[in-house]
Amino acid sequence: MTIVNDLVNPNNGIALSHMTEVIGHIKQMPELAQFQWRAKSRWINGAHTQTTFKDYAGAGGEQSHRKAFVYDTDHPELFQQTDEGVTPVEYLLHALAGCLTAGIASVAAHRGVQLQEVTATLEADHDMQPVLGLAKGQRPGFSAVRVRFDISGDASREELAAIVERSRQVSAVFDILSNPTAVTVEVA
């Protein structure tokens, strides 16, 4: 499938004609919706890791981003590390904010709502004892995540809240964080 992103008359930066075309192709050939996202990560030193995102599969074939995206994760100096990037769990907050916000822009565009501003504040509660090996039997992940949107646009508060709710309903990252996902880890 080849679709040119023309961004004709974008509403909130969303090219509705393009999205309608993509959705039409997927309705006709549902297998085009099957994607495989990929990352290649390498250890630098200590807790510092660098991950590159370039190629992925989807829309019926191999795809590439326009350029490779490289991100660093590390741990803060508090843990005697070099603080060369945010912690991996902080990236989850970034992913959640990005996914929900992109959804808000898209849903608003499809509903004819012009957004003026969308900001999100995210908080995650995290007991570090299990991570540090100090609390056996407890989950090492977040115990709670809160997202608060401040949003303005040419719609009522209720309509804007409905847009946020619809974005939450279709957010892949929200789903991944709130439902069990099969993850395997192996040594090559």
N, C-alpha and C. Protein backbone atom coordinates (compact mmCIF):
# COMPACT_ATOMS: atom_id res chain seq x y z
N MET A 1 0.85 -1.18 0.00
CA MET A 1 0.00 0.00 0.00
C MET A 1 0.89 1.23 0.00
N THR A 2 0.68 2.12 -0.93
CA THR A 2 1.43 3.36 -1.01
C THR A 2 0.44 4.51 -0.90
N ILE A 3 0.63 5.30 0.14
CA ILE A 3 -0.23 6.46 0.35
C ILE A 3 0.67 7.65 0.60
N VAL A 4 0.43 8.73 -0.10
CA VAL A 4 1.22 9.93 0.07
C VAL A 4 0.53 10.79 1.12
N ASN A 5 1.29 11.20 2.12
CA ASN A 5 0.75 12.05 3.16
C ASN A 5 0.73 13.48 2.65
N ASP A 6 -0.40 13.90 2.11
CA ASP A 6 -0.49 15.21 1.46
C ASP A 6 -0.83 16.35 2.42
N LEU A 7 -1.33 16.03 3.59
CA LEU A 7 -1.72 17.05 4.57
C LEU A 7 -2.57 18.16 3.94
N VAL A 8 -3.54 17.76 3.10
CA VAL A 8 -4.45 18.73 2.51
C VAL A 8 -5.47 19.15 3.56
N ASN A 9 -5.56 20.44 3.77
CA ASN A 9 -6.50 21.00 4.74
C ASN A 9 -6.45 20.29 6.10
N PRO A 10 -5.28 20.25 6.73
CA PRO A 10 -5.21 19.54 8.01
C PRO A 10 -5.98 20.27 9.11
N ASN A 11 -6.68 19.51 9.92
CA ASN A 11 -7.34 20.03 11.11
C ASN A 11 -6.56 19.46 12.29
N ASN A 12 -5.98 20.31 13.09
CA ASN A 12 -5.13 19.88 14.22
C ASN A 12 -3.91 19.11 13.72
N GLY A 13 -3.47 19.38 12.48
CA GLY A 13 -2.32 18.67 11.92
C GLY A 13 -2.65 17.29 11.41
N ILE A 14 -3.93 16.94 11.34
CA ILE A 14 -4.38 15.63 10.87
C ILE A 14 -4.98 15.79 9.47
N ALA A 15 -4.42 15.07 8.50
CA ALA A 15 -4.95 15.10 7.13
C ALA A 15 -6.10 14.11 7.04
N LEU A 16 -7.31 14.60 7.18
CA LEU A 16 -8.48 13.72 7.20
C LEU A 16 -8.63 12.93 5.91
N SER A 17 -8.32 13.54 4.77
CA SER A 17 -8.45 12.81 3.51
C SER A 17 -7.48 11.64 3.48
N HIS A 18 -6.30 11.85 3.99
CA HIS A 18 -5.30 10.79 4.05
C HIS A 18 -5.76 9.68 4.99
N MET A 19 -6.24 10.05 6.19
CA MET A 19 -6.69 9.05 7.16
C MET A 19 -7.88 8.26 6.61
N THR A 20 -8.78 8.93 5.93
CA THR A 20 -9.93 8.25 5.34
C THR A 20 -9.46 7.24 4.30
N GLU A 21 -8.45 7.61 3.51
CA GLU A 21 -7.90 6.70 2.51
C GLU A 21 -7.25 5.48 3.17
N VAL A 22 -6.48 5.71 4.22
CA VAL A 22 -5.83 4.60 4.94
C VAL A 22 -6.88 3.66 5.52
N ILE A 23 -7.88 4.23 6.17
CA ILE A 23 -8.94 3.41 6.78
C ILE A 23 -9.68 2.62 5.70
N GLY A 24 -9.92 3.23 4.55
CA GLY A 24 -10.58 2.53 3.45
C GLY A 24 -9.77 1.33 2.97
N HIS A 25 -8.46 1.52 2.83
CA HIS A 25 -7.59 0.40 2.41
C HIS A 25 -7.64 -0.73 3.44
N ILE A 26 -7.60 -0.38 4.72
CA ILE A 26 -7.59 -1.40 5.77
C ILE A 26 -8.94 -2.11 5.86
N LYS A 27 -10.03 -1.40 5.61
CA LYS A 27 -11.34 -2.06 5.59
C LYS A 27 -11.40 -3.11 4.48
N GLN A 28 -10.80 -2.79 3.33
CA GLN A 28 -10.80 -3.73 2.21
C GLN A 28 -9.82 -4.88 2.42
N MET A 29 -8.71 -4.60 3.09
CA MET A 29 -7.67 -5.61 3.31
C MET A 29 -7.19 -5.52 4.76
N PRO A 30 -7.91 -6.15 5.70
CA PRO A 30 -7.58 -6.03 7.13
C PRO A 30 -6.15 -6.43 7.48
N GLU A 31 -5.53 -7.28 6.66
CA GLU A 31 -4.16 -7.70 6.95
C GLU A 31 -3.18 -6.52 6.90
N LEU A 32 -3.55 -5.42 6.26
CA LEU A 32 -2.69 -4.23 6.22
C LEU A 32 -2.53 -3.59 7.60
N ALA A 33 -3.43 -3.90 8.51
CA ALA A 33 -3.38 -3.32 9.86
C ALA A 33 -2.39 -4.04 10.77
N GLN A 34 -1.80 -5.12 10.30
CA GLN A 34 -0.86 -5.88 11.14
C GLN A 34 0.53 -5.23 11.06
N PHE A 35 1.01 -4.74 12.19
CA PHE A 35 2.30 -4.07 12.26
C PHE A 35 3.23 -4.81 13.22
N GLN A 36 4.51 -4.66 13.01
CA GLN A 36 5.52 -5.14 13.94
C GLN A 36 6.48 -3.98 14.18
N TRP A 37 6.47 -3.46 15.40
CA TRP A 37 7.36 -2.36 15.76
C TRP A 37 8.67 -2.96 16.25
N ARG A 38 9.78 -2.31 15.94
CA ARG A 38 11.09 -2.86 16.27
C ARG A 38 11.98 -1.80 16.91
N ALA A 39 12.85 -2.27 17.78
CA ALA A 39 13.85 -1.43 18.40
C ALA A 39 15.14 -2.23 18.51
N LYS A 40 16.25 -1.55 18.38
CA LYS A 40 17.56 -2.18 18.56
C LYS A 40 18.26 -1.41 19.67
N SER A 41 18.60 -2.12 20.74
CA SER A 41 19.16 -1.47 21.91
C SER A 41 20.56 -1.99 22.19
N ARG A 42 21.43 -1.10 22.68
CA ARG A 42 22.77 -1.54 23.07
C ARG A 42 23.17 -0.87 24.38
N TRP A 43 23.86 -1.65 25.17
CA TRP A 43 24.35 -1.18 26.46
C TRP A 43 25.56 -0.29 26.23
N ILE A 44 25.62 0.85 26.91
CA ILE A 44 26.76 1.76 26.82
C ILE A 44 27.69 1.53 28.02
N ASN A 45 27.14 1.72 29.22
CA ASN A 45 27.92 1.56 30.46
C ASN A 45 26.99 1.76 31.64
N GLY A 46 27.25 1.04 32.72
CA GLY A 46 26.41 1.19 33.90
C GLY A 46 24.97 0.91 33.54
N ALA A 47 24.08 1.85 33.84
CA ALA A 47 22.66 1.70 33.49
C ALA A 47 22.33 2.42 32.19
N HIS A 48 23.32 2.99 31.53
CA HIS A 48 23.12 3.75 30.30
C HIS A 48 22.94 2.80 29.11
N THR A 49 21.79 2.90 28.45
CA THR A 49 21.46 2.10 27.28
C THR A 49 21.00 3.03 26.17
N GLN A 50 21.33 2.69 24.93
CA GLN A 50 20.90 3.49 23.80
C GLN A 50 20.05 2.62 22.87
N THR A 51 18.88 3.14 22.49
CA THR A 51 17.96 2.39 21.65
C THR A 51 17.70 3.17 20.37
N THR A 52 17.73 2.44 19.24
CA THR A 52 17.51 3.03 17.93
C THR A 52 16.24 2.45 17.32
N PHE A 53 15.42 3.32 16.75
CA PHE A 53 14.20 2.95 16.05
C PHE A 53 14.35 3.40 14.61
N LYS A 54 14.26 2.47 13.66
CA LYS A 54 14.37 2.84 12.25
C LYS A 54 13.36 2.07 11.40
N ASP A 55 13.47 0.75 11.37
CA ASP A 55 12.63 -0.06 10.50
C ASP A 55 11.48 -0.70 11.26
N TYR A 56 10.39 -0.94 10.56
CA TYR A 56 9.24 -1.63 11.11
C TYR A 56 8.49 -2.27 9.95
N ALA A 57 7.59 -3.16 10.25
CA ALA A 57 6.77 -3.79 9.22
C ALA A 57 5.33 -3.34 9.42
N GLY A 58 4.63 -3.11 8.31
CA GLY A 58 3.23 -2.72 8.40
C GLY A 58 2.71 -2.31 7.05
N ALA A 59 1.40 -2.22 6.93
CA ALA A 59 0.74 -1.83 5.68
C ALA A 59 1.15 -2.76 4.53
N GLY A 60 1.42 -4.01 4.88
CA GLY A 60 1.71 -5.00 3.86
C GLY A 60 3.17 -5.12 3.46
N GLY A 61 4.09 -4.50 4.18
CA GLY A 61 5.49 -4.62 3.80
C GLY A 61 6.44 -4.00 4.81
N GLU A 62 7.71 -4.00 4.45
CA GLU A 62 8.73 -3.39 5.30
C GLU A 62 8.67 -1.87 5.13
N GLN A 63 8.82 -1.17 6.22
CA GLN A 63 8.75 0.29 6.23
C GLN A 63 9.95 0.84 7.00
N SER A 64 10.22 2.13 6.81
CA SER A 64 11.28 2.81 7.55
C SER A 64 10.82 4.21 7.91
N HIS A 65 11.23 4.65 9.09
CA HIS A 65 11.05 6.06 9.43
C HIS A 65 11.94 6.88 8.49
N ARG A 66 11.67 8.17 8.35
CA ARG A 66 12.49 9.03 7.50
C ARG A 66 13.95 9.05 7.95
N LYS A 67 14.16 8.89 9.25
CA LYS A 67 15.50 8.83 9.81
C LYS A 67 15.46 7.93 11.03
N ALA A 68 16.61 7.50 11.47
CA ALA A 68 16.69 6.69 12.69
C ALA A 68 16.50 7.62 13.89
N PHE A 69 15.73 7.16 14.85
CA PHE A 69 15.53 7.90 16.09
C PHE A 69 16.29 7.18 17.18
N VAL A 70 17.14 7.91 17.90
CA VAL A 70 17.99 7.31 18.92
C VAL A 70 17.67 7.96 20.27
N TYR A 71 17.43 7.10 21.26
CA TYR A 71 17.09 7.58 22.59
C TYR A 71 17.96 6.88 23.62
N ASP A 72 18.31 7.63 24.64
CA ASP A 72 19.11 7.09 25.73
C ASP A 72 18.27 6.94 26.98
N THR A 73 18.52 5.85 27.69
CA THR A 73 17.96 5.69 29.03
C THR A 73 19.12 5.52 29.99
N ASP A 74 18.91 5.93 31.20
CA ASP A 74 19.92 5.81 32.23
C ASP A 74 19.20 5.91 33.57
N HIS A 75 19.93 6.02 34.61
CA HIS A 75 19.37 6.23 35.93
C HIS A 75 20.03 7.47 36.51
N PRO A 76 19.38 8.15 37.43
CA PRO A 76 19.92 9.40 37.95
C PRO A 76 21.16 9.19 38.81
N GLU A 77 21.87 10.30 39.01
CA GLU A 77 23.07 10.29 39.85
C GLU A 77 22.77 9.79 41.26
N LEU A 78 21.53 9.96 41.71
CA LEU A 78 21.11 9.46 43.01
C LEU A 78 21.48 7.99 43.18
N PHE A 79 21.42 7.23 42.07
CA PHE A 79 21.75 5.80 42.08
C PHE A 79 23.18 5.56 41.56
N GLN A 80 24.02 6.58 41.64
CA GLN A 80 25.42 6.49 41.22
C GLN A 80 25.55 6.15 39.74
N GLN A 81 24.66 6.67 38.92
CA GLN A 81 24.72 6.49 37.48
C GLN A 81 24.98 7.84 36.82
N THR A 82 25.11 7.85 35.51
CA THR A 82 25.55 9.05 34.80
C THR A 82 24.41 9.98 34.34
N ASP A 83 23.16 9.57 34.49
CA ASP A 83 22.01 10.41 34.14
C ASP A 83 22.07 10.92 32.71
N GLU A 84 22.39 10.02 31.77
CA GLU A 84 22.50 10.36 30.34
C GLU A 84 21.15 10.32 29.63
N GLY A 85 20.10 10.00 30.34
CA GLY A 85 18.76 9.95 29.76
C GLY A 85 17.76 9.68 30.87
N VAL A 86 16.49 9.77 30.54
CA VAL A 86 15.47 9.47 31.54
C VAL A 86 15.46 7.97 31.80
N THR A 87 14.84 7.58 32.90
CA THR A 87 14.76 6.16 33.21
C THR A 87 13.79 5.48 32.25
N PRO A 88 13.93 4.17 32.06
CA PRO A 88 13.01 3.47 31.17
C PRO A 88 11.54 3.65 31.57
N VAL A 89 11.26 3.68 32.87
CA VAL A 89 9.86 3.84 33.27
C VAL A 89 9.33 5.23 32.95
N GLU A 90 10.20 6.24 32.92
CA GLU A 90 9.76 7.58 32.52
C GLU A 90 9.38 7.59 31.04
N TYR A 91 10.08 6.79 30.22
CA TYR A 91 9.71 6.71 28.80
C TYR A 91 8.29 6.17 28.64
N LEU A 92 7.85 5.31 29.55
CA LEU A 92 6.47 4.84 29.49
C LEU A 92 5.49 6.00 29.62
N LEU A 93 5.81 6.95 30.48
CA LEU A 93 4.95 8.13 30.63
C LEU A 93 4.95 8.95 29.34
N HIS A 94 6.12 9.09 28.73
CA HIS A 94 6.21 9.79 27.45
C HIS A 94 5.38 9.08 26.38
N ALA A 95 5.49 7.76 26.33
CA ALA A 95 4.73 6.99 25.34
C ALA A 95 3.23 7.15 25.57
N LEU A 96 2.81 7.09 26.82
CA LEU A 96 1.39 7.24 27.13
C LEU A 96 0.90 8.63 26.76
N ALA A 97 1.65 9.66 27.12
CA ALA A 97 1.25 11.03 26.79
C ALA A 97 1.19 11.21 25.27
N GLY A 98 2.19 10.70 24.56
CA GLY A 98 2.23 10.85 23.12
C GLY A 98 1.08 10.15 22.43
N CYS A 99 0.76 8.94 22.88
CA CYS A 99 -0.31 8.16 22.27
C CYS A 99 -1.67 8.82 22.52
N LEU A 100 -1.93 9.20 23.76
CA LEU A 100 -3.21 9.83 24.09
C LEU A 100 -3.37 11.17 23.39
N THR A 101 -2.31 11.96 23.34
CA THR A 101 -2.38 13.28 22.72
C THR A 101 -2.58 13.18 21.21
N ALA A 102 -1.88 12.25 20.57
CA ALA A 102 -2.09 12.04 19.13
C ALA A 102 -3.53 11.61 18.87
N GLY A 103 -4.06 10.76 19.73
CA GLY A 103 -5.44 10.34 19.59
C GLY A 103 -6.41 11.50 19.75
N ILE A 104 -6.14 12.37 20.70
CA ILE A 104 -6.99 13.53 20.92
C ILE A 104 -7.02 14.41 19.66
N ALA A 105 -5.86 14.67 19.08
CA ALA A 105 -5.80 15.49 17.86
C ALA A 105 -6.59 14.84 16.73
N SER A 106 -6.45 13.53 16.59
CA SER A 106 -7.13 12.82 15.51
C SER A 106 -8.64 12.78 15.73
N VAL A 107 -9.06 12.41 16.93
CA VAL A 107 -10.50 12.33 17.22
C VAL A 107 -11.13 13.72 17.06
N ALA A 108 -10.46 14.75 17.56
CA ALA A 108 -10.99 16.12 17.43
C ALA A 108 -11.12 16.49 15.96
N ALA A 109 -10.12 16.17 15.15
CA ALA A 109 -10.19 16.49 13.72
C ALA A 109 -11.36 15.78 13.06
N HIS A 110 -11.56 14.51 13.38
CA HIS A 110 -12.68 13.76 12.80
C HIS A 110 -14.02 14.30 13.25
N ARG A 111 -14.06 14.92 14.41
CA ARG A 111 -15.32 15.50 14.91
C ARG A 111 -15.47 16.97 14.54
N GLY A 112 -14.51 17.50 13.77
CA GLY A 112 -14.58 18.89 13.34
C GLY A 112 -14.24 19.89 14.42
N VAL A 113 -13.53 19.47 15.44
CA VAL A 113 -13.17 20.36 16.55
C VAL A 113 -11.75 20.85 16.32
N GLN A 114 -11.57 22.17 16.35
CA GLN A 114 -10.24 22.77 16.24
C GLN A 114 -9.69 22.96 17.65
N LEU A 115 -8.54 22.35 17.91
CA LEU A 115 -7.91 22.48 19.22
C LEU A 115 -7.03 23.72 19.26
N GLN A 116 -6.99 24.36 20.43
CA GLN A 116 -6.07 25.47 20.63
C GLN A 116 -4.85 25.02 21.44
N GLU A 117 -5.10 24.17 22.44
CA GLU A 117 -4.00 23.72 23.30
C GLU A 117 -4.35 22.39 23.94
N VAL A 118 -3.36 21.53 24.02
CA VAL A 118 -3.49 20.26 24.74
C VAL A 118 -2.21 20.04 25.50
N THR A 119 -2.31 20.00 26.82
CA THR A 119 -1.16 19.66 27.65
C THR A 119 -1.57 18.56 28.60
N ALA A 120 -0.62 17.72 28.92
CA ALA A 120 -0.88 16.61 29.83
C ALA A 120 0.14 16.64 30.95
N THR A 121 -0.32 16.34 32.14
CA THR A 121 0.55 16.15 33.29
C THR A 121 0.39 14.71 33.72
N LEU A 122 1.49 13.98 33.79
CA LEU A 122 1.45 12.57 34.15
C LEU A 122 2.24 12.34 35.42
N GLU A 123 1.71 11.47 36.26
CA GLU A 123 2.37 11.06 37.50
C GLU A 123 2.25 9.55 37.62
N ALA A 124 3.33 8.94 38.07
CA ALA A 124 3.31 7.50 38.29
C ALA A 124 3.88 7.22 39.68
N ASP A 125 3.16 6.43 40.45
CA ASP A 125 3.64 6.03 41.78
C ASP A 125 4.44 4.75 41.63
N HIS A 126 5.63 4.74 42.23
CA HIS A 126 6.55 3.62 42.02
C HIS A 126 7.33 3.35 43.31
N ASP A 127 7.06 2.24 43.94
CA ASP A 127 7.82 1.79 45.11
C ASP A 127 9.07 1.11 44.58
N MET A 128 10.23 1.66 44.85
CA MET A 128 11.49 1.14 44.31
C MET A 128 12.03 -0.06 45.09
N GLN A 129 11.43 -0.42 46.22
CA GLN A 129 11.96 -1.54 47.00
C GLN A 129 12.05 -2.84 46.19
N PRO A 130 11.02 -3.26 45.46
CA PRO A 130 11.15 -4.50 44.67
C PRO A 130 12.25 -4.41 43.61
N VAL A 131 12.42 -3.24 43.00
CA VAL A 131 13.45 -3.05 41.97
C VAL A 131 14.83 -3.25 42.59
N LEU A 132 14.99 -2.80 43.82
CA LEU A 132 16.28 -2.88 44.51
C LEU A 132 16.47 -4.20 45.25
N GLY A 133 15.52 -5.12 45.08
CA GLY A 133 15.63 -6.43 45.73
C GLY A 133 15.32 -6.41 47.21
N LEU A 134 14.60 -5.40 47.66
CA LEU A 134 14.31 -5.24 49.09
C LEU A 134 12.91 -5.68 49.49
N ALA A 135 12.08 -6.05 48.53
CA ALA A 135 10.70 -6.44 48.84
C ALA A 135 10.32 -7.58 47.91
N LYS A 136 10.51 -8.79 48.38
CA LYS A 136 10.18 -9.95 47.57
C LYS A 136 8.66 -10.15 47.53
N GLY A 137 8.16 -10.59 46.38
CA GLY A 137 6.73 -10.85 46.25
C GLY A 137 5.92 -9.64 45.84
N GLN A 138 6.52 -8.47 45.78
CA GLN A 138 5.80 -7.28 45.32
C GLN A 138 6.16 -7.01 43.87
N ARG A 139 5.22 -6.44 43.15
CA ARG A 139 5.46 -6.05 41.76
C ARG A 139 6.51 -4.93 41.71
N PRO A 140 7.45 -5.01 40.77
CA PRO A 140 8.44 -3.95 40.65
C PRO A 140 7.99 -2.76 39.79
N GLY A 141 6.77 -2.83 39.27
CA GLY A 141 6.29 -1.76 38.39
C GLY A 141 5.50 -0.69 39.12
N PHE A 142 4.89 0.17 38.33
CA PHE A 142 4.06 1.25 38.87
C PHE A 142 2.88 0.67 39.64
N SER A 143 2.48 1.37 40.69
CA SER A 143 1.25 0.99 41.39
C SER A 143 0.07 1.83 40.91
N ALA A 144 0.34 3.00 40.34
CA ALA A 144 -0.72 3.85 39.82
C ALA A 144 -0.12 4.85 38.83
N VAL A 145 -0.91 5.20 37.83
CA VAL A 145 -0.54 6.24 36.86
C VAL A 145 -1.74 7.17 36.74
N ARG A 146 -1.46 8.46 36.79
CA ARG A 146 -2.50 9.46 36.63
C ARG A 146 -2.14 10.39 35.47
N VAL A 147 -3.13 10.67 34.62
CA VAL A 147 -2.94 11.59 33.49
C VAL A 147 -4.02 12.66 33.62
N ARG A 148 -3.59 13.91 33.57
CA ARG A 148 -4.53 15.03 33.63
C ARG A 148 -4.30 15.90 32.40
N PHE A 149 -5.35 16.07 31.60
CA PHE A 149 -5.27 16.90 30.41
C PHE A 149 -5.86 18.27 30.68
N ASP A 150 -5.15 19.30 30.23
CA ASP A 150 -5.69 20.65 30.12
C ASP A 150 -5.85 20.84 28.62
N ILE A 151 -7.09 21.05 28.20
CA ILE A 151 -7.40 21.07 26.77
C ILE A 151 -8.36 22.21 26.47
N SER A 152 -8.09 22.91 25.38
CA SER A 152 -9.01 23.96 24.95
C SER A 152 -9.20 23.85 23.44
N GLY A 153 -10.40 24.17 23.02
CA GLY A 153 -10.75 24.10 21.61
C GLY A 153 -12.13 24.68 21.41
N ASP A 154 -12.59 24.65 20.16
CA ASP A 154 -13.89 25.25 19.85
C ASP A 154 -15.03 24.25 20.08
N ALA A 155 -15.05 23.68 21.27
CA ALA A 155 -16.09 22.73 21.67
C ALA A 155 -16.35 22.92 23.16
N SER A 156 -17.48 22.39 23.59
CA SER A 156 -17.82 22.49 25.02
C SER A 156 -16.88 21.62 25.85
N ARG A 157 -16.86 21.87 27.14
CA ARG A 157 -16.05 21.06 28.06
C ARG A 157 -16.45 19.59 27.96
N GLU A 158 -17.75 19.32 27.84
CA GLU A 158 -18.25 17.95 27.73
C GLU A 158 -17.76 17.29 26.44
N GLU A 159 -17.80 18.04 25.33
CA GLU A 159 -17.32 17.49 24.05
C GLU A 159 -15.83 17.21 24.10
N LEU A 160 -15.06 18.11 24.73
CA LEU A 160 -13.62 17.90 24.86
C LEU A 160 -13.34 16.69 25.74
N ALA A 161 -14.11 16.52 26.81
CA ALA A 161 -13.94 15.35 27.68
C ALA A 161 -14.27 14.07 26.91
N ALA A 162 -15.27 14.12 26.05
CA ALA A 162 -15.63 12.94 25.24
C ALA A 162 -14.51 12.61 24.24
N ILE A 163 -13.85 13.63 23.72
CA ILE A 163 -12.72 13.41 22.81
C ILE A 163 -11.59 12.72 23.56
N VAL A 164 -11.28 13.20 24.75
CA VAL A 164 -10.22 12.57 25.56
C VAL A 164 -10.59 11.13 25.88
N GLU A 165 -11.84 10.89 26.23
CA GLU A 165 -12.28 9.52 26.55
C GLU A 165 -12.17 8.61 25.33
N ARG A 166 -12.54 9.11 24.16
CA ARG A 166 -12.42 8.28 22.96
C ARG A 166 -10.96 7.96 22.66
N SER A 167 -10.10 8.93 22.86
CA SER A 167 -8.67 8.69 22.67
C SER A 167 -8.18 7.61 23.63
N ARG A 168 -8.63 7.66 24.87
CA ARG A 168 -8.25 6.64 25.85
C ARG A 168 -8.72 5.26 25.39
N GLN A 169 -9.92 5.18 24.86
CA GLN A 169 -10.48 3.90 24.43
C GLN A 169 -9.70 3.25 23.31
N VAL A 170 -9.09 4.05 22.44
CA VAL A 170 -8.38 3.49 21.28
C VAL A 170 -6.86 3.58 21.41
N SER A 171 -6.36 4.01 22.56
CA SER A 171 -4.93 4.18 22.76
C SER A 171 -4.24 2.83 22.96
N ALA A 172 -3.31 2.51 22.06
CA ALA A 172 -2.54 1.27 22.19
C ALA A 172 -1.69 1.28 23.45
N VAL A 173 -1.07 2.41 23.77
CA VAL A 173 -0.19 2.45 24.94
C VAL A 173 -1.02 2.33 26.22
N PHE A 174 -2.17 2.99 26.29
CA PHE A 174 -3.03 2.83 27.46
C PHE A 174 -3.40 1.36 27.64
N ASP A 175 -3.76 0.70 26.56
CA ASP A 175 -4.13 -0.70 26.62
C ASP A 175 -2.96 -1.56 27.09
N ILE A 176 -1.78 -1.32 26.55
CA ILE A 176 -0.60 -2.10 26.93
C ILE A 176 -0.30 -1.95 28.41
N LEU A 177 -0.44 -0.73 28.92
CA LEU A 177 -0.15 -0.48 30.34
C LEU A 177 -1.23 -1.00 31.28
N SER A 178 -2.46 -1.09 30.80
CA SER A 178 -3.56 -1.45 31.70
C SER A 178 -4.05 -2.88 31.55
N ASN A 179 -3.51 -3.63 30.60
CA ASN A 179 -3.92 -5.02 30.40
C ASN A 179 -2.68 -5.91 30.26
N PRO A 180 -2.80 -7.16 30.66
CA PRO A 180 -1.66 -8.06 30.48
C PRO A 180 -1.29 -8.22 29.00
N THR A 181 0.01 -8.18 28.73
CA THR A 181 0.54 -8.35 27.38
C THR A 181 1.61 -9.44 27.44
N ALA A 182 1.56 -10.38 26.55
CA ALA A 182 2.57 -11.44 26.53
C ALA A 182 3.92 -10.85 26.13
N VAL A 183 4.91 -11.00 26.98
CA VAL A 183 6.26 -10.52 26.72
C VAL A 183 7.21 -11.66 26.99
N THR A 184 8.09 -11.96 26.04
CA THR A 184 9.08 -13.01 26.25
C THR A 184 10.47 -12.38 26.24
N VAL A 185 11.35 -12.89 27.06
CA VAL A 185 12.73 -12.45 27.13
C VAL A 185 13.60 -13.67 27.00
N GLU A 186 14.57 -13.66 26.09
CA GLU A 186 15.44 -14.79 25.88
C GLU A 186 16.85 -14.34 25.60
N VAL A 187 17.78 -15.22 25.73
CA VAL A 187 19.18 -14.95 25.42
C VAL A 187 19.50 -15.65 24.10
N ALA A 188 20.05 -14.90 23.14
CA ALA A 188 20.38 -15.47 21.83
C ALA A 188 21.58 -16.39 21.92
